[in-house]
Each structure stands twice: as C-alpha cells, then as structure tokens.
Amino acid sequence: ISVDGTEEIHNRYRKFPSGEATYKKIAEACE
C-alpha cells in the first residue's frame, strides 16, 4: 500500500484528480 509520509505530507503530493486528499481513504484500507 502506497503511503508517502504523514497525512499532511502525503496529501500534498498524492491527490485525486479533483485535488481531494487521499490519506484518510488509504488509512482506512490499512485498518
């Protein structure tokens, strides 16, 4: 599962095309 740092850092670079943050969705997948 691709995670690039803390929530703040991850969301700055890894986004949906709309610009929406992705971290919470990925953290839920890990859980």
PDB file of all heavy atoms in Angstrom:
ATOM      1  N   ILE A   1       0.853  -1.186   0.000  1.00  0.00           N
ATOM      2  CA  ILE A   1       0.000   0.000   0.000  1.00  0.00           C
ATOM      3  C   ILE A   1       0.894   1.242   0.000  1.00  0.00           C
ATOM      4  O   ILE A   1       1.787   1.376   0.831  1.00  0.00           O
ATOM      5  CB  ILE A   1      -0.947   0.002   1.217  1.00  0.00           C
ATOM      6  CG1 ILE A   1      -1.862  -1.232   1.165  1.00  0.00           C
ATOM      7  CG2 ILE A   1      -1.781   1.283   1.252  1.00  0.00           C
ATOM      8  CD1 ILE A   1      -2.816  -1.359   2.335  1.00  0.00           C
ATOM      9  N   SER A   2       0.652   2.121  -0.937  1.00  0.00           N
ATOM     10  CA  SER A   2       1.494   3.307  -1.098  1.00  0.00           C
ATOM     11  C   SER A   2       1.053   4.410  -0.139  1.00  0.00           C
ATOM     12  O   SER A   2      -0.083   4.881  -0.201  1.00  0.00           O
ATOM     13  CB  SER A   2       1.421   3.818  -2.538  1.00  0.00           C
ATOM     14  OG  SER A   2       1.945   2.862  -3.435  1.00  0.00           O
ATOM     15  N   VAL A   3       1.959   4.779   0.750  1.00  0.00           N
ATOM     16  CA  VAL A   3       1.743   5.893   1.680  1.00  0.00           C
ATOM     17  C   VAL A   3       3.034   6.702   1.710  1.00  0.00           C
ATOM     18  O   VAL A   3       4.094   6.151   1.984  1.00  0.00           O
ATOM     19  CB  VAL A   3       1.412   5.407   3.108  1.00  0.00           C
ATOM     20  CG1 VAL A   3       1.155   6.602   4.024  1.00  0.00           C
ATOM     21  CG2 VAL A   3       0.217   4.469   3.115  1.00  0.00           C
ATOM     22  N   ASP A   4       2.950   7.978   1.465  1.00  0.00           N
ATOM     23  CA  ASP A   4       4.162   8.800   1.399  1.00  0.00           C
ATOM     24  C   ASP A   4       4.214   9.814   2.529  1.00  0.00           C
ATOM     25  O   ASP A   4       4.019  11.022   2.343  1.00  0.00           O
ATOM     26  CB  ASP A   4       4.262   9.496   0.038  1.00  0.00           C
ATOM     27  CG  ASP A   4       4.580   8.511  -1.085  1.00  0.00           C
ATOM     28  OD1 ASP A   4       4.856   7.337  -0.790  1.00  0.00           O
ATOM     29  OD2 ASP A   4       4.543   8.915  -2.258  1.00  0.00           O
ATOM     30  N   GLY A   5       4.450   9.288   3.738  1.00  0.00           N
ATOM     31  CA  GLY A   5       4.664  10.165   4.878  1.00  0.00           C
ATOM     32  C   GLY A   5       3.444  10.368   5.748  1.00  0.00           C
ATOM     33  O   GLY A   5       2.485   9.602   5.711  1.00  0.00           O
ATOM     34  N   THR A   6       3.497  11.408   6.567  1.00  0.00           N
ATOM     35  CA  THR A   6       2.367  11.748   7.426  1.00  0.00           C
ATOM     36  C   THR A   6       1.189  12.213   6.570  1.00  0.00           C
ATOM     37  O   THR A   6       1.328  12.453   5.366  1.00  0.00           O
ATOM     38  CB  THR A   6       2.758  12.887   8.381  1.00  0.00           C
ATOM     39  OG1 THR A   6       3.114  14.041   7.609  1.00  0.00           O
ATOM     40  CG2 THR A   6       3.935  12.492   9.273  1.00  0.00           C
ATOM     41  N   GLU A   7       0.046  12.359   7.201  1.00  0.00           N
ATOM     42  CA  GLU A   7      -1.148  12.769   6.456  1.00  0.00           C
ATOM     43  C   GLU A   7      -0.920  14.080   5.709  1.00  0.00           C
ATOM     44  O   GLU A   7      -1.280  14.218   4.529  1.00  0.00           O
ATOM     45  CB  GLU A   7      -2.337  12.907   7.411  1.00  0.00           C
ATOM     46  CG  GLU A   7      -3.631  13.291   6.724  1.00  0.00           C
ATOM     47  CD  GLU A   7      -4.842  13.224   7.634  1.00  0.00           C
ATOM     48  OE1 GLU A   7      -4.669  12.903   8.837  1.00  0.00           O
ATOM     49  OE2 GLU A   7      -5.962  13.486   7.159  1.00  0.00           O
ATOM     50  N   GLU A   8      -0.315  15.037   6.362  1.00  0.00           N
ATOM     51  CA  GLU A   8      -0.088  16.346   5.746  1.00  0.00           C
ATOM     52  C   GLU A   8       0.833  16.248   4.536  1.00  0.00           C
ATOM     53  O   GLU A   8       0.544  16.807   3.472  1.00  0.00           O
ATOM     54  CB  GLU A   8       0.516  17.302   6.785  1.00  0.00           C
ATOM     55  CG  GLU A   8       0.798  18.693   6.249  1.00  0.00           C
ATOM     56  CD  GLU A   8       1.489  19.572   7.267  1.00  0.00           C
ATOM     57  OE1 GLU A   8       1.785  19.093   8.382  1.00  0.00           O
ATOM     58  OE2 GLU A   8       1.748  20.758   6.937  1.00  0.00           O
ATOM     59  N   ILE A   9       1.954  15.538   4.684  1.00  0.00           N
ATOM     60  CA  ILE A   9       2.911  15.414   3.584  1.00  0.00           C
ATOM     61  C   ILE A   9       2.323  14.596   2.444  1.00  0.00           C
ATOM     62  O   ILE A   9       2.422  14.969   1.270  1.00  0.00           O
ATOM     63  CB  ILE A   9       4.232  14.782   4.091  1.00  0.00           C
ATOM     64  CG1 ILE A   9       4.909  15.720   5.094  1.00  0.00           C
ATOM     65  CG2 ILE A   9       5.165  14.475   2.924  1.00  0.00           C
ATOM     66  CD1 ILE A   9       6.104  15.099   5.800  1.00  0.00           C
ATOM     67  N   HIS A  10       1.710  13.466   2.781  1.00  0.00           N
ATOM     68  CA  HIS A  10       1.103  12.591   1.778  1.00  0.00           C
ATOM     69  C   HIS A  10       0.101  13.356   0.915  1.00  0.00           C
ATOM     70  O   HIS A  10       0.140  13.291  -0.321  1.00  0.00           O
ATOM     71  CB  HIS A  10       0.428  11.414   2.478  1.00  0.00           C
ATOM     72  CG  HIS A  10      -0.337  10.521   1.570  1.00  0.00           C
ATOM     73  ND1 HIS A  10       0.155   9.324   1.106  1.00  0.00           N
ATOM     74  CD2 HIS A  10      -1.584  10.639   1.027  1.00  0.00           C
ATOM     75  CE1 HIS A  10      -0.737   8.753   0.323  1.00  0.00           C
ATOM     76  NE2 HIS A  10      -1.799   9.527   0.262  1.00  0.00           N
ATOM     77  N   ASN A  11      -0.810  14.083   1.558  1.00  0.00           N
ATOM     78  CA  ASN A  11      -1.883  14.764   0.828  1.00  0.00           C
ATOM     79  C   ASN A  11      -1.377  15.906  -0.053  1.00  0.00           C
ATOM     80  O   ASN A  11      -2.061  16.313  -0.994  1.00  0.00           O
ATOM     81  CB  ASN A  11      -2.930  15.300   1.805  1.00  0.00           C
ATOM     82  CG  ASN A  11      -3.838  14.202   2.331  1.00  0.00           C
ATOM     83  OD1 ASN A  11      -3.996  13.153   1.693  1.00  0.00           O
ATOM     84  ND2 ASN A  11      -4.430  14.420   3.495  1.00  0.00           N
ATOM     85  N   ARG A  12      -0.199  16.396   0.247  1.00  0.00           N
ATOM     86  CA  ARG A  12       0.361  17.476  -0.556  1.00  0.00           C
ATOM     87  C   ARG A  12       0.761  16.986  -1.943  1.00  0.00           C
ATOM     88  O   ARG A  12       0.715  17.745  -2.924  1.00  0.00           O
ATOM     89  CB  ARG A  12       1.563  18.083   0.162  1.00  0.00           C
ATOM     90  CG  ARG A  12       2.047  19.413  -0.434  1.00  0.00           C
ATOM     91  CD  ARG A  12       3.059  20.071   0.481  1.00  0.00           C
ATOM     92  NE  ARG A  12       2.432  20.456   1.738  1.00  0.00           N
ATOM     93  CZ  ARG A  12       2.938  20.193   2.943  1.00  0.00           C
ATOM     94  NH1 ARG A  12       4.075  19.555   3.066  1.00  0.00           N
ATOM     95  NH2 ARG A  12       2.301  20.583   4.027  1.00  0.00           N
ATOM     96  N   TYR A  13       1.128  15.711  -2.047  1.00  0.00           N
ATOM     97  CA  TYR A  13       1.663  15.189  -3.309  1.00  0.00           C
ATOM     98  C   TYR A  13       0.802  14.092  -3.950  1.00  0.00           C
ATOM     99  O   TYR A  13       0.884  13.883  -5.151  1.00  0.00           O
ATOM    100  CB  TYR A  13       3.073  14.629  -3.071  1.00  0.00           C
ATOM    101  CG  TYR A  13       4.061  15.670  -2.640  1.00  0.00           C
ATOM    102  CD1 TYR A  13       4.306  15.910  -1.294  1.00  0.00           C
ATOM    103  CD2 TYR A  13       4.766  16.422  -3.571  1.00  0.00           C
ATOM    104  CE1 TYR A  13       5.221  16.870  -0.881  1.00  0.00           C
ATOM    105  CE2 TYR A  13       5.684  17.388  -3.185  1.00  0.00           C
ATOM    106  CZ  TYR A  13       5.907  17.600  -1.829  1.00  0.00           C
ATOM    107  OH  TYR A  13       6.806  18.550  -1.430  1.00  0.00           O
ATOM    108  N   ARG A  14       0.017  13.394  -3.140  1.00  0.00           N
ATOM    109  CA  ARG A  14      -0.757  12.259  -3.646  1.00  0.00           C
ATOM    110  C   ARG A  14      -2.243  12.588  -3.508  1.00  0.00           C
ATOM    111  O   ARG A  14      -2.834  12.432  -2.432  1.00  0.00           O
ATOM    112  CB  ARG A  14      -0.404  10.978  -2.886  1.00  0.00           C
ATOM    113  CG  ARG A  14       1.052  10.567  -3.080  1.00  0.00           C
ATOM    114  CD  ARG A  14       1.381   9.273  -2.334  1.00  0.00           C
ATOM    115  NE  ARG A  14       0.590   8.151  -2.789  1.00  0.00           N
ATOM    116  CZ  ARG A  14       0.894   7.382  -3.832  1.00  0.00           C
ATOM    117  NH1 ARG A  14       1.977   7.630  -4.532  1.00  0.00           N
ATOM    118  NH2 ARG A  14       0.122   6.374  -4.173  1.00  0.00           N
ATOM    119  N   LYS A  15      -2.830  13.026  -4.609  1.00  0.00           N
ATOM    120  CA  LYS A  15      -4.203  13.531  -4.589  1.00  0.00           C
ATOM    121  C   LYS A  15      -5.051  12.827  -5.651  1.00  0.00           C
ATOM    122  O   LYS A  15      -4.536  12.219  -6.578  1.00  0.00           O
ATOM    123  CB  LYS A  15      -4.212  15.045  -4.867  1.00  0.00           C
ATOM    124  CG  LYS A  15      -3.349  15.873  -3.933  1.00  0.00           C
ATOM    125  CD  LYS A  15      -3.323  17.332  -4.319  1.00  0.00           C
ATOM    126  CE  LYS A  15      -2.412  17.585  -5.512  1.00  0.00           C
ATOM    127  NZ  LYS A  15      -0.992  17.509  -5.235  1.00  0.00           N
ATOM    128  N   PHE A  16      -6.358  12.941  -5.496  1.00  0.00           N
ATOM    129  CA  PHE A  16      -7.271  12.584  -6.571  1.00  0.00           C
ATOM    130  C   PHE A  16      -7.171  13.673  -7.643  1.00  0.00           C
ATOM    131  O   PHE A  16      -6.740  14.796  -7.363  1.00  0.00           O
ATOM    132  CB  PHE A  16      -8.699  12.477  -6.055  1.00  0.00           C
ATOM    133  CG  PHE A  16      -8.953  11.277  -5.181  1.00  0.00           C
ATOM    134  CD1 PHE A  16      -9.319  11.422  -3.847  1.00  0.00           C
ATOM    135  CD2 PHE A  16      -8.822   9.994  -5.698  1.00  0.00           C
ATOM    136  CE1 PHE A  16      -9.555  10.315  -3.046  1.00  0.00           C
ATOM    137  CE2 PHE A  16      -9.050   8.876  -4.904  1.00  0.00           C
ATOM    138  CZ  PHE A  16      -9.416   9.041  -3.575  1.00  0.00           C
ATOM    139  N   PRO A  17      -7.576  13.374  -8.882  1.00  0.00           N
ATOM    140  CA  PRO A  17      -7.520  14.394  -9.947  1.00  0.00           C
ATOM    141  C   PRO A  17      -8.266  15.682  -9.601  1.00  0.00           C
ATOM    142  O   PRO A  17      -7.906  16.758 -10.071  1.00  0.00           O
ATOM    143  CB  PRO A  17      -8.169  13.688 -11.142  1.00  0.00           C
ATOM    144  CG  PRO A  17      -7.874  12.238 -10.910  1.00  0.00           C
ATOM    145  CD  PRO A  17      -7.965  12.054  -9.421  1.00  0.00           C
ATOM    146  N   SER A  18      -9.281  15.593  -8.746  1.00  0.00           N
ATOM    147  CA  SER A  18     -10.044  16.768  -8.321  1.00  0.00           C
ATOM    148  C   SER A  18      -9.266  17.647  -7.350  1.00  0.00           C
ATOM    149  O   SER A  18      -9.672  18.771  -7.059  1.00  0.00           O
ATOM    150  CB  SER A  18     -11.343  16.325  -7.648  1.00  0.00           C
ATOM    151  OG  SER A  18     -11.052  15.609  -6.447  1.00  0.00           O
ATOM    152  N   GLY A  19      -8.147  17.112  -6.848  1.00  0.00           N
ATOM    153  CA  GLY A  19      -7.384  17.817  -5.824  1.00  0.00           C
ATOM    154  C   GLY A  19      -7.717  17.353  -4.424  1.00  0.00           C
ATOM    155  O   GLY A  19      -7.075  17.764  -3.444  1.00  0.00           O
ATOM    156  N   GLU A  20      -8.728  16.478  -4.299  1.00  0.00           N
ATOM    157  CA  GLU A  20      -9.158  15.978  -2.996  1.00  0.00           C
ATOM    158  C   GLU A  20      -8.061  15.111  -2.368  1.00  0.00           C
ATOM    159  O   GLU A  20      -7.348  14.382  -3.048  1.00  0.00           O
ATOM    160  CB  GLU A  20     -10.433  15.148  -3.173  1.00  0.00           C
ATOM    161  CG  GLU A  20     -11.007  14.590  -1.873  1.00  0.00           C
ATOM    162  CD  GLU A  20     -12.178  13.666  -2.131  1.00  0.00           C
ATOM    163  OE1 GLU A  20     -12.599  13.546  -3.308  1.00  0.00           O
ATOM    164  OE2 GLU A  20     -12.659  13.047  -1.169  1.00  0.00           O
ATOM    165  N   ALA A  21      -7.949  15.191  -1.051  1.00  0.00           N
ATOM    166  CA  ALA A  21      -6.951  14.422  -0.310  1.00  0.00           C
ATOM    167  C   ALA A  21      -7.266  12.931  -0.345  1.00  0.00           C
ATOM    168  O   ALA A  21      -8.429  12.524  -0.458  1.00  0.00           O
ATOM    169  CB  ALA A  21      -6.885  14.912   1.130  1.00  0.00           C
ATOM    170  N   THR A  22      -6.231  12.106  -0.232  1.00  0.00           N
ATOM    171  CA  THR A  22      -6.408  10.648  -0.328  1.00  0.00           C
ATOM    172  C   THR A  22      -6.034   9.894   0.944  1.00  0.00           C
ATOM    173  O   THR A  22      -6.348   8.712   1.072  1.00  0.00           O
ATOM    174  CB  THR A  22      -5.541  10.091  -1.473  1.00  0.00           C
ATOM    175  OG1 THR A  22      -4.151  10.360  -1.197  1.00  0.00           O
ATOM    176  CG2 THR A  22      -5.925  10.708  -2.811  1.00  0.00           C
ATOM    177  N   TYR A  23      -5.367  10.556   1.878  1.00  0.00           N
ATOM    178  CA  TYR A  23      -4.774   9.832   3.003  1.00  0.00           C
ATOM    179  C   TYR A  23      -5.799   9.052   3.824  1.00  0.00           C
ATOM    180  O   TYR A  23      -5.568   7.889   4.177  1.00  0.00           O
ATOM    181  CB  TYR A  23      -4.021  10.804   3.915  1.00  0.00           C
ATOM    182  CG  TYR A  23      -3.252  10.133   5.031  1.00  0.00           C
ATOM    183  CD1 TYR A  23      -1.920   9.761   4.858  1.00  0.00           C
ATOM    184  CD2 TYR A  23      -3.850   9.873   6.263  1.00  0.00           C
ATOM    185  CE1 TYR A  23      -1.204   9.150   5.873  1.00  0.00           C
ATOM    186  CE2 TYR A  23      -3.138   9.266   7.285  1.00  0.00           C
ATOM    187  CZ  TYR A  23      -1.830   8.905   7.095  1.00  0.00           C
ATOM    188  OH  TYR A  23      -1.137   8.291   8.100  1.00  0.00           O
ATOM    189  N   LYS A  24      -6.915   9.668   4.151  1.00  0.00           N
ATOM    190  CA  LYS A  24      -7.898   9.003   5.011  1.00  0.00           C
ATOM    191  C   LYS A  24      -8.418   7.721   4.375  1.00  0.00           C
ATOM    192  O   LYS A  24      -8.596   6.705   5.065  1.00  0.00           O
ATOM    193  CB  LYS A  24      -9.059   9.958   5.328  1.00  0.00           C
ATOM    194  CG  LYS A  24      -8.735  10.967   6.414  1.00  0.00           C
ATOM    195  CD  LYS A  24      -9.955  11.783   6.817  1.00  0.00           C
ATOM    196  CE  LYS A  24      -9.713  12.562   8.109  1.00  0.00           C
ATOM    197  NZ  LYS A  24      -8.561  13.452   8.056  1.00  0.00           N
ATOM    198  N   LYS A  25      -8.655   7.739   3.066  1.00  0.00           N
ATOM    199  CA  LYS A  25      -9.105   6.525   2.366  1.00  0.00           C
ATOM    200  C   LYS A  25      -8.061   5.419   2.480  1.00  0.00           C
ATOM    201  O   LYS A  25      -8.391   4.243   2.663  1.00  0.00           O
ATOM    202  CB  LYS A  25      -9.362   6.838   0.887  1.00  0.00           C
ATOM    203  CG  LYS A  25     -10.562   7.710   0.623  1.00  0.00           C
ATOM    204  CD  LYS A  25     -11.848   6.929   0.534  1.00  0.00           C
ATOM    205  CE  LYS A  25     -11.919   6.002  -0.651  1.00  0.00           C
ATOM    206  NZ  LYS A  25     -13.192   5.261  -0.716  1.00  0.00           N
ATOM    207  N   ILE A  26      -6.798   5.789   2.372  1.00  0.00           N
ATOM    208  CA  ILE A  26      -5.725   4.797   2.414  1.00  0.00           C
ATOM    209  C   ILE A  26      -5.542   4.264   3.831  1.00  0.00           C
ATOM    210  O   ILE A  26      -5.342   3.055   4.025  1.00  0.00           O
ATOM    211  CB  ILE A  26      -4.426   5.419   1.868  1.00  0.00           C
ATOM    212  CG1 ILE A  26      -4.627   5.811   0.403  1.00  0.00           C
ATOM    213  CG2 ILE A  26      -3.259   4.457   2.008  1.00  0.00           C
ATOM    214  CD1 ILE A  26      -3.569   6.731  -0.148  1.00  0.00           C
ATOM    215  N   ALA A  27      -5.628   5.137   4.817  1.00  0.00           N
ATOM    216  CA  ALA A  27      -5.534   4.689   6.209  1.00  0.00           C
ATOM    217  C   ALA A  27      -6.669   3.724   6.539  1.00  0.00           C
ATOM    218  O   ALA A  27      -6.473   2.733   7.255  1.00  0.00           O
ATOM    219  CB  ALA A  27      -5.563   5.896   7.144  1.00  0.00           C
ATOM    220  N   GLU A  28      -7.850   3.986   5.997  1.00  0.00           N
ATOM    221  CA  GLU A  28      -8.991   3.077   6.203  1.00  0.00           C
ATOM    222  C   GLU A  28      -8.718   1.712   5.576  1.00  0.00           C
ATOM    223  O   GLU A  28      -9.104   0.677   6.133  1.00  0.00           O
ATOM    224  CB  GLU A  28     -10.258   3.686   5.600  1.00  0.00           C
ATOM    225  CG  GLU A  28     -10.794   4.876   6.373  1.00  0.00           C
ATOM    226  CD  GLU A  28     -11.908   5.613   5.631  1.00  0.00           C
ATOM    227  OE1 GLU A  28     -12.291   5.142   4.517  1.00  0.00           O
ATOM    228  OE2 GLU A  28     -12.375   6.643   6.134  1.00  0.00           O
ATOM    229  N   ALA A  29      -8.054   1.700   4.407  1.00  0.00           N
ATOM    230  CA  ALA A  29      -7.712   0.434   3.764  1.00  0.00           C
ATOM    231  C   ALA A  29      -6.762  -0.375   4.639  1.00  0.00           C
ATOM    232  O   ALA A  29      -6.907  -1.604   4.767  1.00  0.00           O
ATOM    233  CB  ALA A  29      -7.081   0.697   2.400  1.00  0.00           C
ATOM    234  N   CYS A  30      -5.789   0.291   5.251  1.00  0.00           N
ATOM    235  CA  CYS A  30      -4.858  -0.404   6.145  1.00  0.00           C
ATOM    236  C   CYS A  30      -5.593  -0.974   7.357  1.00  0.00           C
ATOM    237  O   CYS A  30      -5.331  -2.111   7.779  1.00  0.00           O
ATOM    238  CB  CYS A  30      -3.757   0.550   6.599  1.00  0.00           C
ATOM    239  SG  CYS A  30      -2.643   1.092   5.285  1.00  0.00           S
ATOM    240  N   GLU A  31      -6.506  -0.200   7.910  1.00  0.00           N
ATOM    241  CA  GLU A  31      -7.292  -0.675   9.048  1.00  0.00           C
ATOM    242  C   GLU A  31      -8.136  -1.882   8.657  1.00  0.00           C
ATOM    243  O   GLU A  31      -8.296  -2.835   9.426  1.00  0.00           O
ATOM    244  CB  GLU A  31      -8.178   0.453   9.570  1.00  0.00           C
ATOM    245  CG  GLU A  31      -7.400   1.584  10.223  1.00  0.00           C
ATOM    246  CD  GLU A  31      -8.256   2.805  10.504  1.00  0.00           C
ATOM    247  OE1 GLU A  31      -9.483   2.738  10.210  1.00  0.00           O
ATOM    248  OE2 GLU A  31      -7.715   3.817  10.988  1.00  0.00           O
TER     249      GLU A  31
END
